[in-house]
């Protein structure tokens, strides 16, 4: 197995999911912690890669670890947040925020 198979795997999976496959860029770095794959993509495709509650990203990370195990390497994925991306909503609201939403 070549060391670039993790990049090829990630590229294949991500390009199959996004609307703008030509904007997918992957940078591979290796240090004492293992392999880090940094993924950059079109801002419009962020939701497709992250998925609901981060489940798609979590699944991709799990599969990358399996690919890495075959190569005796620890593989991690970092997804770059694109410039100008809309700020993410807070997942956890305070009680005051929830009451404001109810307009009580």
PDB file of N, CA and C in Angstrom:
ATOM      1  N   UNK A   1       0.840  -1.181   0.000  1.00  0.00           N
ATOM      2  CA  UNK A   1       0.000   0.000   0.000  1.00  0.00           C
ATOM      3  C   UNK A   1       0.884   1.244   0.000  1.00  0.00           C
ATOM      4  N   UNK A   2       0.602   2.158  -0.885  1.00  0.00           N
ATOM      5  CA  UNK A   2       1.405   3.371  -0.945  1.00  0.00           C
ATOM      6  C   UNK A   2       0.913   4.362   0.099  1.00  0.00           C
ATOM      7  N   UNK A   3       1.783   5.268   0.487  1.00  0.00           N
ATOM      8  CA  UNK A   3       1.412   6.237   1.511  1.00  0.00           C
ATOM      9  C   UNK A   3       0.387   7.249   1.013  1.00  0.00           C
ATOM     10  N   UNK A   4       0.209   7.344  -0.281  1.00  0.00           N
ATOM     11  CA  UNK A   4      -0.744   8.309  -0.824  1.00  0.00           C
ATOM     12  C   UNK A   4      -2.152   7.735  -0.959  1.00  0.00           C
ATOM     13  N   UNK A   5      -2.344   6.475  -0.594  1.00  0.00           N
ATOM     14  CA  UNK A   5      -3.677   5.889  -0.738  1.00  0.00           C
ATOM     15  C   UNK A   5      -4.712   6.572   0.143  1.00  0.00           C
ATOM     16  N   UNK A   6      -4.275   7.114   1.286  1.00  0.00           N
ATOM     17  CA  UNK A   6      -5.225   7.828   2.130  1.00  0.00           C
ATOM     18  C   UNK A   6      -5.729   9.089   1.418  1.00  0.00           C
ATOM     19  N   UNK A   7      -4.849   9.777   0.698  1.00  0.00           N
ATOM     20  CA  UNK A   7      -5.249  10.965  -0.061  1.00  0.00           C
ATOM     21  C   UNK A   7      -6.188  10.573  -1.197  1.00  0.00           C
ATOM     22  N   UNK A   8      -5.848   9.516  -1.914  1.00  0.00           N
ATOM     23  CA  UNK A   8      -6.692   9.062  -3.021  1.00  0.00           C
ATOM     24  C   UNK A   8      -8.078   8.667  -2.516  1.00  0.00           C
ATOM     25  N   UNK A   9      -8.119   7.979  -1.396  1.00  0.00           N
ATOM     26  CA  UNK A   9      -9.392   7.559  -0.811  1.00  0.00           C
ATOM     27  C   UNK A   9     -10.236   8.773  -0.439  1.00  0.00           C
ATOM     28  N   UNK A  10      -9.630   9.723   0.291  1.00  0.00           N
ATOM     29  CA  UNK A  10     -10.364  10.918   0.712  1.00  0.00           C
ATOM     30  C   UNK A  10     -10.860  11.710  -0.496  1.00  0.00           C
ATOM     31  N   UNK A  11     -10.001  11.863  -1.483  1.00  0.00           N
ATOM     32  CA  UNK A  11     -10.371  12.611  -2.687  1.00  0.00           C
ATOM     33  C   UNK A  11     -11.563  11.949  -3.386  1.00  0.00           C
ATOM     34  N   UNK A  12     -11.525  10.634  -3.506  1.00  0.00           N
ATOM     35  CA  UNK A  12     -12.607   9.894  -4.159  1.00  0.00           C
ATOM     36  C   UNK A  12     -13.926  10.097  -3.424  1.00  0.00           C
ATOM     37  N   UNK A  13     -13.916   9.939  -2.109  1.00  0.00           N
ATOM     38  CA  UNK A  13     -15.140  10.048  -1.312  1.00  0.00           C
ATOM     39  C   UNK A  13     -15.687  11.470  -1.364  1.00  0.00           C
ATOM     40  N   UNK A  14     -14.822  12.456  -1.136  1.00  0.00           N
ATOM     41  CA  UNK A  14     -15.285  13.847  -1.084  1.00  0.00           C
ATOM     42  C   UNK A  14     -15.814  14.299  -2.443  1.00  0.00           C
ATOM     43  N   UNK A  15     -15.076  13.995  -3.507  1.00  0.00           N
ATOM     44  CA  UNK A  15     -15.513  14.426  -4.840  1.00  0.00           C
ATOM     45  C   UNK A  15     -16.843  13.792  -5.236  1.00  0.00           C
ATOM     46  N   UNK A  16     -17.132  12.600  -4.709  1.00  0.00           N
ATOM     47  CA  UNK A  16     -18.405  11.947  -5.002  1.00  0.00           C
ATOM     48  C   UNK A  16     -19.567  12.629  -4.280  1.00  0.00           C
ATOM     49  N   UNK A  17     -19.276  13.370  -3.201  1.00  0.00           N
ATOM     50  CA  UNK A  17     -20.332  13.976  -2.397  1.00  0.00           C
ATOM     51  C   UNK A  17     -20.631  15.433  -2.742  1.00  0.00           C
ATOM     52  N   UNK A  18     -19.657  16.139  -3.311  1.00  0.00           N
ATOM     53  CA  UNK A  18     -19.802  17.592  -3.477  1.00  0.00           C
ATOM     54  C   UNK A  18     -20.305  17.982  -4.862  1.00  0.00           C
ATOM     55  N   UNK A  19     -20.796  19.216  -4.964  1.00  0.00           N
ATOM     56  CA  UNK A  19     -21.262  19.768  -6.242  1.00  0.00           C
ATOM     57  C   UNK A  19     -20.106  20.366  -7.052  1.00  0.00           C
ATOM     58  N   UNK A  20     -19.018  20.738  -6.370  1.00  0.00           N
ATOM     59  CA  UNK A  20     -17.884  21.407  -7.017  1.00  0.00           C
ATOM     60  C   UNK A  20     -16.599  20.597  -6.817  1.00  0.00           C
ATOM     61  N   UNK A  21     -16.490  19.431  -7.465  1.00  0.00           N
ATOM     62  CA  UNK A  21     -15.322  18.563  -7.237  1.00  0.00           C
ATOM     63  C   UNK A  21     -13.993  19.201  -7.630  1.00  0.00           C
ATOM     64  N   UNK A  22     -14.008  20.153  -8.553  1.00  0.00           N
ATOM     65  CA  UNK A  22     -12.748  20.781  -8.967  1.00  0.00           C
ATOM     66  C   UNK A  22     -12.172  21.687  -7.884  1.00  0.00           C
ATOM     67  N   UNK A  23     -12.982  22.057  -6.892  1.00  0.00           N
ATOM     68  CA  UNK A  23     -12.520  22.926  -5.807  1.00  0.00           C
ATOM     69  C   UNK A  23     -11.934  22.145  -4.635  1.00  0.00           C
ATOM     70  N   UNK A  24     -11.965  20.810  -4.707  1.00  0.00           N
ATOM     71  CA  UNK A  24     -11.459  19.984  -3.609  1.00  0.00           C
ATOM     72  C   UNK A  24      -9.923  19.976  -3.632  1.00  0.00           C
ATOM     73  N   UNK A  25      -9.326  20.343  -2.497  1.00  0.00           N
ATOM     74  CA  UNK A  25      -7.864  20.338  -2.359  1.00  0.00           C
ATOM     75  C   UNK A  25      -7.512  19.605  -1.068  1.00  0.00           C
ATOM     76  N   UNK A  26      -6.519  18.726  -1.158  1.00  0.00           N
ATOM     77  CA  UNK A  26      -6.087  17.957   0.011  1.00  0.00           C
ATOM     78  C   UNK A  26      -4.582  18.127   0.176  1.00  0.00           C
ATOM     79  N   UNK A  27      -4.171  18.504   1.381  1.00  0.00           N
ATOM     80  CA  UNK A  27      -2.746  18.624   1.700  1.00  0.00           C
ATOM     81  C   UNK A  27      -2.424  17.558   2.744  1.00  0.00           C
ATOM     82  N   UNK A  28      -1.370  16.781   2.490  1.00  0.00           N
ATOM     83  CA  UNK A  28      -0.979  15.692   3.385  1.00  0.00           C
ATOM     84  C   UNK A  28       0.312  16.065   4.091  1.00  0.00           C
ATOM     85  N   UNK A  29       0.298  16.046   5.428  1.00  0.00           N
ATOM     86  CA  UNK A  29       1.506  16.293   6.204  1.00  0.00           C
ATOM     87  C   UNK A  29       1.707  15.141   7.183  1.00  0.00           C
ATOM     88  N   UNK A  30       2.965  14.841   7.472  1.00  0.00           N
ATOM     89  CA  UNK A  30       3.303  13.762   8.386  1.00  0.00           C
ATOM     90  C   UNK A  30       4.195  14.330   9.483  1.00  0.00           C
ATOM     91  N   UNK A  31       3.860  14.007  10.736  1.00  0.00           N
ATOM     92  CA  UNK A  31       4.724  14.386  11.854  1.00  0.00           C
ATOM     93  C   UNK A  31       4.704  13.258  12.878  1.00  0.00           C
ATOM     94  N   UNK A  32       5.195  13.542  14.093  1.00  0.00           N
ATOM     95  CA  UNK A  32       5.274  12.481  15.101  1.00  0.00           C
ATOM     96  C   UNK A  32       3.894  12.005  15.553  1.00  0.00           C
ATOM     97  N   UNK A  33       2.863  12.800  15.301  1.00  0.00           N
ATOM     98  CA  UNK A  33       1.502  12.416  15.678  1.00  0.00           C
ATOM     99  C   UNK A  33       0.844  11.519  14.629  1.00  0.00           C
ATOM    100  N   UNK A  34       1.411  11.444  13.444  1.00  0.00           N
ATOM    101  CA  UNK A  34       0.835  10.631  12.384  1.00  0.00           C
ATOM    102  C   UNK A  34       0.617  11.455  11.128  1.00  0.00           C
ATOM    103  N   UNK A  35      -0.388  11.078  10.376  1.00  0.00           N
ATOM    104  CA  UNK A  35      -0.694  11.739   9.104  1.00  0.00           C
ATOM    105  C   UNK A  35      -1.857  12.702   9.330  1.00  0.00           C
ATOM    106  N   UNK A  36      -1.718  13.910   8.811  1.00  0.00           N
ATOM    107  CA  UNK A  36      -2.803  14.877   8.859  1.00  0.00           C
ATOM    108  C   UNK A  36      -3.189  15.230   7.438  1.00  0.00           C
ATOM    109  N   UNK A  37      -4.457  14.990   7.103  1.00  0.00           N
ATOM    110  CA  UNK A  37      -4.988  15.384   5.807  1.00  0.00           C
ATOM    111  C   UNK A  37      -5.838  16.629   6.027  1.00  0.00           C
ATOM    112  N   UNK A  38      -5.474  17.708   5.351  1.00  0.00           N
ATOM    113  CA  UNK A  38      -6.210  18.959   5.463  1.00  0.00           C
ATOM    114  C   UNK A  38      -7.034  19.142   4.200  1.00  0.00           C
ATOM    115  N   UNK A  39      -8.334  19.243   4.374  1.00  0.00           N
ATOM    116  CA  UNK A  39      -9.275  19.314   3.263  1.00  0.00           C
ATOM    117  C   UNK A  39      -9.800  20.732   3.105  1.00  0.00           C
ATOM    118  N   UNK A  40      -9.704  21.252   1.886  1.00  0.00           N
ATOM    119  CA  UNK A  40     -10.301  22.541   1.549  1.00  0.00           C
ATOM    120  C   UNK A  40     -11.296  22.298   0.423  1.00  0.00           C
ATOM    121  N   UNK A  41     -12.433  22.986   0.492  1.00  0.00           N
ATOM    122  CA  UNK A  41     -13.447  22.808  -0.544  1.00  0.00           C
ATOM    123  C   UNK A  41     -14.285  24.060  -0.681  1.00  0.00           C
ATOM    124  N   UNK A  42     -15.155  24.039  -1.671  1.00  0.00           N
ATOM    125  CA  UNK A  42     -16.029  25.165  -1.942  1.00  0.00           C
ATOM    126  C   UNK A  42     -16.948  25.392  -0.744  1.00  0.00           C
ATOM    127  N   UNK A  43     -17.123  26.660  -0.316  1.00  0.00           N
ATOM    128  CA  UNK A  43     -17.993  26.934   0.835  1.00  0.00           C
ATOM    129  C   UNK A  43     -19.403  26.357   0.681  1.00  0.00           C
ATOM    130  N   UNK A  44     -19.904  26.298  -0.543  1.00  0.00           N
ATOM    131  CA  UNK A  44     -21.257  25.765  -0.771  1.00  0.00           C
ATOM    132  C   UNK A  44     -21.346  24.274  -0.458  1.00  0.00           C
ATOM    133  N   UNK A  45     -20.211  23.582  -0.426  1.00  0.00           N
ATOM    134  CA  UNK A  45     -20.200  22.136  -0.203  1.00  0.00           C
ATOM    135  C   UNK A  45     -19.925  21.742   1.249  1.00  0.00           C
ATOM    136  N   UNK A  46     -19.695  22.713   2.121  1.00  0.00           N
ATOM    137  CA  UNK A  46     -19.352  22.395   3.509  1.00  0.00           C
ATOM    138  C   UNK A  46     -20.407  21.523   4.177  1.00  0.00           C
ATOM    139  N   UNK A  47     -21.673  21.864   3.994  1.00  0.00           N
ATOM    140  CA  UNK A  47     -22.748  21.105   4.633  1.00  0.00           C
ATOM    141  C   UNK A  47     -22.791  19.657   4.197  1.00  0.00           C
ATOM    142  N   UNK A  48     -22.468  19.408   2.935  1.00  0.00           N
ATOM    143  CA  UNK A  48     -22.499  18.028   2.432  1.00  0.00           C
ATOM    144  C   UNK A  48     -21.406  17.183   3.078  1.00  0.00           C
ATOM    145  N   UNK A  49     -20.255  17.787   3.337  1.00  0.00           N
ATOM    146  CA  UNK A  49     -19.141  17.041   3.925  1.00  0.00           C
ATOM    147  C   UNK A  49     -19.282  16.920   5.438  1.00  0.00           C
ATOM    148  N   UNK A  50     -19.775  17.960   6.089  1.00  0.00           N
ATOM    149  CA  UNK A  50     -19.957  17.909   7.538  1.00  0.00           C
ATOM    150  C   UNK A  50     -21.140  16.994   7.868  1.00  0.00           C
ATOM    151  N   UNK A  51     -22.256  17.186   7.183  1.00  0.00           N
ATOM    152  CA  UNK A  51     -23.442  16.357   7.418  1.00  0.00           C
ATOM    153  C   UNK A  51     -24.205  16.805   8.654  1.00  0.00           C
ATOM    154  N   UNK A  52     -25.359  16.203   8.863  1.00  0.00           N
ATOM    155  CA  UNK A  52     -26.171  16.535  10.039  1.00  0.00           C
ATOM    156  C   UNK A  52     -25.432  16.142  11.300  1.00  0.00           C
ATOM    157  N   UNK A  53     -25.329  17.095  12.215  1.00  0.00           N
ATOM    158  CA  UNK A  53     -24.659  16.868  13.504  1.00  0.00           C
ATOM    159  C   UNK A  53     -23.225  16.368  13.314  1.00  0.00           C
ATOM    160  N   UNK A  54     -22.631  16.615  12.154  1.00  0.00           N
ATOM    161  CA  UNK A  54     -21.257  16.206  11.909  1.00  0.00           C
ATOM    162  C   UNK A  54     -21.090  14.730  11.590  1.00  0.00           C
ATOM    163  N   UNK A  55     -22.189  14.047  11.302  1.00  0.00           N
ATOM    164  CA  UNK A  55     -22.128  12.597  11.111  1.00  0.00           C
ATOM    165  C   UNK A  55     -21.355  12.180   9.861  1.00  0.00           C
ATOM    166  N   UNK A  56     -21.474  12.940   8.776  1.00  0.00           N
ATOM    167  CA  UNK A  56     -20.744  12.573   7.558  1.00  0.00           C
ATOM    168  C   UNK A  56     -19.244  12.730   7.784  1.00  0.00           C
ATOM    169  N   UNK A  57     -18.836  13.837   8.383  1.00  0.00           N
ATOM    170  CA  UNK A  57     -17.411  14.059   8.679  1.00  0.00           C
ATOM    171  C   UNK A  57     -16.895  12.980   9.622  1.00  0.00           C
ATOM    172  N   UNK A  58     -17.694  12.611  10.606  1.00  0.00           N
ATOM    173  CA  UNK A  58     -17.297  11.574  11.563  1.00  0.00           C
ATOM    174  C   UNK A  58     -17.089  10.241  10.844  1.00  0.00           C
ATOM    175  N   UNK A  59     -17.984   9.907   9.915  1.00  0.00           N
ATOM    176  CA  UNK A  59     -17.879   8.658   9.158  1.00  0.00           C
ATOM    177  C   UNK A  59     -16.633   8.659   8.273  1.00  0.00           C
ATOM    178  N   UNK A  60     -16.365   9.790   7.622  1.00  0.00           N
ATOM    179  CA  UNK A  60     -15.172   9.893   6.773  1.00  0.00           C
ATOM    180  C   UNK A  60     -13.918   9.715   7.629  1.00  0.00           C
ATOM    181  N   UNK A  61     -13.893  10.340   8.804  1.00  0.00           N
ATOM    182  CA  UNK A  61     -12.731  10.203   9.699  1.00  0.00           C
ATOM    183  C   UNK A  61     -12.530   8.750  10.134  1.00  0.00           C
ATOM    184  N   UNK A  62     -13.639   8.074  10.436  1.00  0.00           N
ATOM    185  CA  UNK A  62     -13.552   6.659  10.837  1.00  0.00           C
ATOM    186  C   UNK A  62     -12.970   5.813   9.709  1.00  0.00           C
ATOM    187  N   UNK A  63     -13.460   6.020   8.497  1.00  0.00           N
ATOM    188  CA  UNK A  63     -12.945   5.258   7.358  1.00  0.00           C
ATOM    189  C   UNK A  63     -11.473   5.566   7.098  1.00  0.00           C
ATOM    190  N   UNK A  64     -11.076   6.827   7.265  1.00  0.00           N
ATOM    191  CA  UNK A  64      -9.665   7.185   7.081  1.00  0.00           C
ATOM    192  C   UNK A  64      -8.774   6.478   8.107  1.00  0.00           C
ATOM    193  N   UNK A  65      -9.274   6.336   9.329  1.00  0.00           N
ATOM    194  CA  UNK A  65      -8.488   5.623  10.347  1.00  0.00           C
ATOM    195  C   UNK A  65      -8.297   4.161   9.956  1.00  0.00           C
ATOM    196  N   UNK A  66      -9.355   3.566   9.373  1.00  0.00           N
ATOM    197  CA  UNK A  66      -9.260   2.174   8.925  1.00  0.00           C
ATOM    198  C   UNK A  66      -8.232   2.057   7.794  1.00  0.00           C
ATOM    199  N   UNK A  67      -8.293   2.992   6.841  1.00  0.00           N
ATOM    200  CA  UNK A  67      -7.312   3.005   5.750  1.00  0.00           C
ATOM    201  C   UNK A  67      -5.911   3.160   6.331  1.00  0.00           C
ATOM    202  N   UNK A  68      -5.759   4.033   7.316  1.00  0.00           N
ATOM    203  CA  UNK A  68      -4.466   4.249   7.956  1.00  0.00           C
ATOM    204  C   UNK A  68      -3.959   3.015   8.682  1.00  0.00           C
ATOM    205  N   UNK A  69      -4.863   2.276   9.322  1.00  0.00           N
ATOM    206  CA  UNK A  69      -4.454   1.074  10.053  1.00  0.00           C
ATOM    207  C   UNK A  69      -3.813   0.046   9.126  1.00  0.00           C
ATOM    208  N   UNK A  70      -4.330  -0.039   7.905  1.00  0.00           N
ATOM    209  CA  UNK A  70      -3.737  -0.962   6.934  1.00  0.00           C
ATOM    210  C   UNK A  70      -2.298  -0.574   6.634  1.00  0.00           C
ATOM    211  N   UNK A  71      -1.994   0.713   6.803  1.00  0.00           N
ATOM    212  CA  UNK A  71      -0.665   1.240   6.492  1.00  0.00           C
ATOM    213  C   UNK A  71       0.130   1.526   7.770  1.00  0.00           C
ATOM    214  N   UNK A  72      -0.374   1.030   8.918  1.00  0.00           N
ATOM    215  CA  UNK A  72       0.261   1.281  10.211  1.00  0.00           C
ATOM    216  C   UNK A  72       0.492   2.765  10.464  1.00  0.00           C
ATOM    217  N   UNK A  73      -0.487   3.578  10.138  1.00  0.00           N
ATOM    218  CA  UNK A  73      -0.376   5.020  10.348  1.00  0.00           C
ATOM    219  C   UNK A  73      -1.656   5.534  10.997  1.00  0.00           C
ATOM    220  N   UNK A  74      -1.500   6.556  11.812  1.00  0.00           N
ATOM    221  CA  UNK A  74      -2.668   7.226  12.402  1.00  0.00           C
ATOM    222  C   UNK A  74      -3.020   8.390  11.487  1.00  0.00           C
ATOM    223  N   UNK A  75      -4.220   8.341  10.911  1.00  0.00           N
ATOM    224  CA  UNK A  75      -4.641   9.356   9.946  1.00  0.00           C
ATOM    225  C   UNK A  75      -5.725  10.224  10.568  1.00  0.00           C
ATOM    226  N   UNK A  76      -5.528  11.535  10.527  1.00  0.00           N
ATOM    227  CA  UNK A  76      -6.516  12.492  11.024  1.00  0.00           C
ATOM    228  C   UNK A  76      -6.934  13.414   9.887  1.00  0.00           C
ATOM    229  N   UNK A  77      -8.144  13.929   9.989  1.00  0.00           N
ATOM    230  CA  UNK A  77      -8.693  14.824   8.971  1.00  0.00           C
ATOM    231  C   UNK A  77      -9.032  16.163   9.589  1.00  0.00           C
ATOM    232  N   UNK A  78      -8.536  17.223   8.951  1.00  0.00           N
ATOM    233  CA  UNK A  78      -8.909  18.588   9.326  1.00  0.00           C
ATOM    234  C   UNK A  78      -9.651  19.184   8.142  1.00  0.00           C
ATOM    235  N   UNK A  79     -10.825  19.736   8.401  1.00  0.00           N
ATOM    236  CA  UNK A  79     -11.608  20.371   7.341  1.00  0.00           C
ATOM    237  C   UNK A  79     -11.464  21.875   7.517  1.00  0.00           C
ATOM    238  N   UNK A  80     -10.839  22.514   6.554  1.00  0.00           N
ATOM    239  CA  UNK A  80     -10.660  23.970   6.612  1.00  0.00           C
ATOM    240  C   UNK A  80     -11.991  24.665   6.428  1.00  0.00           C
ATOM    241  N   UNK A  81     -12.256  25.628   7.289  1.00  0.00           N
ATOM    242  CA  UNK A  81     -13.451  26.432   7.110  1.00  0.00           C
ATOM    243  C   UNK A  81     -13.134  27.502   6.083  1.00  0.00           C
ATOM    244  N   UNK A  82     -13.879  27.557   5.002  1.00  0.00           N
ATOM    245  CA  UNK A  82     -13.554  28.499   3.929  1.00  0.00           C
ATOM    246  C   UNK A  82     -13.719  29.952   4.360  1.00  0.00           C
ATOM    247  N   UNK A  83     -12.943  30.815   3.709  1.00  0.00           N
ATOM    248  CA  UNK A  83     -13.080  32.254   3.939  1.00  0.00           C
ATOM    249  C   UNK A  83     -14.488  32.677   3.576  1.00  0.00           C
ATOM    250  N   UNK A  84     -15.083  33.514   4.389  1.00  0.00           N
ATOM    251  CA  UNK A  84     -16.401  34.034   4.073  1.00  0.00           C
ATOM    252  C   UNK A  84     -17.530  33.043   4.305  1.00  0.00           C
ATOM    253  N   UNK A  85     -17.250  31.943   4.989  1.00  0.00           N
ATOM    254  CA  UNK A  85     -18.322  30.979   5.270  1.00  0.00           C
ATOM    255  C   UNK A  85     -19.279  31.584   6.285  1.00  0.00           C
ATOM    256  N   UNK A  86     -20.531  31.238   6.155  1.00  0.00           N
ATOM    257  CA  UNK A  86     -21.531  31.739   7.099  1.00  0.00           C
ATOM    258  C   UNK A  86     -21.209  31.182   8.481  1.00  0.00           C
ATOM    259  N   UNK A  87     -21.330  32.010   9.507  1.00  0.00           N
ATOM    260  CA  UNK A  87     -21.049  31.511  10.854  1.00  0.00           C
ATOM    261  C   UNK A  87     -22.038  30.412  11.225  1.00  0.00           C
ATOM    262  N   UNK A  88     -21.507  29.393  11.900  1.00  0.00           N
ATOM    263  CA  UNK A  88     -22.369  28.285  12.301  1.00  0.00           C
ATOM    264  C   UNK A  88     -23.237  28.710  13.468  1.00  0.00           C
ATOM    265  N   UNK A  89     -24.459  28.173  13.502  1.00  0.00           N
ATOM    266  CA  UNK A  89     -25.345  28.453  14.616  1.00  0.00           C
ATOM    267  C   UNK A  89     -24.846  27.720  15.842  1.00  0.00           C
ATOM    268  N   UNK A  90     -25.120  28.299  16.995  1.00  0.00           N
ATOM    269  CA  UNK A  90     -24.759  27.629  18.230  1.00  0.00           C
ATOM    270  C   UNK A  90     -25.611  26.371  18.351  1.00  0.00           C
ATOM    271  N   UNK A  91     -24.973  25.252  18.634  1.00  0.00           N
ATOM    272  CA  UNK A  91     -25.710  23.999  18.760  1.00  0.00           C
ATOM    273  C   UNK A  91     -26.482  23.957  20.074  1.00  0.00           C
ATOM    274  N   UNK A  92     -25.924  24.583  21.122  1.00  0.00           N
ATOM    275  CA  UNK A  92     -26.561  24.553  22.430  1.00  0.00           C
ATOM    276  C   UNK A  92     -26.996  25.972  22.763  1.00  0.00           C
ATOM    277  N   UNK A  93     -28.264  26.135  23.067  1.00  0.00           N
ATOM    278  CA  UNK A  93     -28.786  27.453  23.397  1.00  0.00           C
ATOM    279  C   UNK A  93     -28.861  27.603  24.912  1.00  0.00           C
ATOM    280  N   UNK A  94     -28.728  28.824  25.351  1.00  0.00           N
ATOM    281  CA  UNK A  94     -28.943  29.099  26.764  1.00  0.00           C
ATOM    282  C   UNK A  94     -30.443  29.124  27.002  1.00  0.00           C
ATOM    283  N   UNK A  95     -30.836  29.090  28.265  1.00  0.00           N
ATOM    284  CA  UNK A  95     -32.257  29.161  28.613  1.00  0.00           C
ATOM    285  C   UNK A  95     -32.838  30.480  28.113  1.00  0.00           C
ATOM    286  N   UNK A  96     -32.060  31.566  28.260  1.00  0.00           N
ATOM    287  CA  UNK A  96     -32.541  32.878  27.801  1.00  0.00           C
ATOM    288  C   UNK A  96     -32.776  32.873  26.290  1.00  0.00           C
ATOM    289  N   UNK A  97     -31.862  32.260  25.521  1.00  0.00           N
ATOM    290  CA  UNK A  97     -32.035  32.172  24.066  1.00  0.00           C
ATOM    291  C   UNK A  97     -33.303  31.392  23.731  1.00  0.00           C
ATOM    292  N   UNK A  98     -33.524  30.298  24.428  1.00  0.00           N
ATOM    293  CA  UNK A  98     -34.700  29.478  24.165  1.00  0.00           C
ATOM    294  C   UNK A  98     -35.978  30.256  24.477  1.00  0.00           C
ATOM    295  N   UNK A  99     -35.984  31.006  25.585  1.00  0.00           N
ATOM    296  CA  UNK A  99     -37.164  31.804  25.945  1.00  0.00           C
ATOM    297  C   UNK A  99     -37.393  32.908  24.931  1.00  0.00           C
ATOM    298  N   UNK A 100     -36.304  33.518  24.427  1.00  0.00           N
ATOM    299  CA  UNK A 100     -36.434  34.535  23.388  1.00  0.00           C
ATOM    300  C   UNK A 100     -37.075  33.950  22.139  1.00  0.00           C
ATOM    301  N   UNK A 101     -36.698  32.718  21.788  1.00  0.00           N
ATOM    302  CA  UNK A 101     -37.274  32.064  20.620  1.00  0.00           C
ATOM    303  C   UNK A 101     -38.777  31.830  20.788  1.00  0.00           C
ATOM    304  N   UNK A 102     -39.179  31.564  22.028  1.00  0.00           N
ATOM    305  CA  UNK A 102     -40.599  31.317  22.297  1.00  0.00           C
ATOM    306  C   UNK A 102     -41.407  32.601  22.353  1.00  0.00           C
ATOM    307  N   UNK A 103     -40.754  33.740  22.453  1.00  0.00           N
ATOM    308  CA  UNK A 103     -41.407  35.057  22.509  1.00  0.00           C
ATOM    309  C   UNK A 103     -42.382  35.142  23.676  1.00  0.00           C
ATOM    310  N   UNK A 104     -41.936  34.634  24.821  1.00  0.00           N
ATOM    311  CA  UNK A 104     -42.796  34.667  26.030  1.00  0.00           C
ATOM    312  C   UNK A 104     -42.619  36.001  26.729  1.00  0.00           C
TER     313      UNK A 104
END
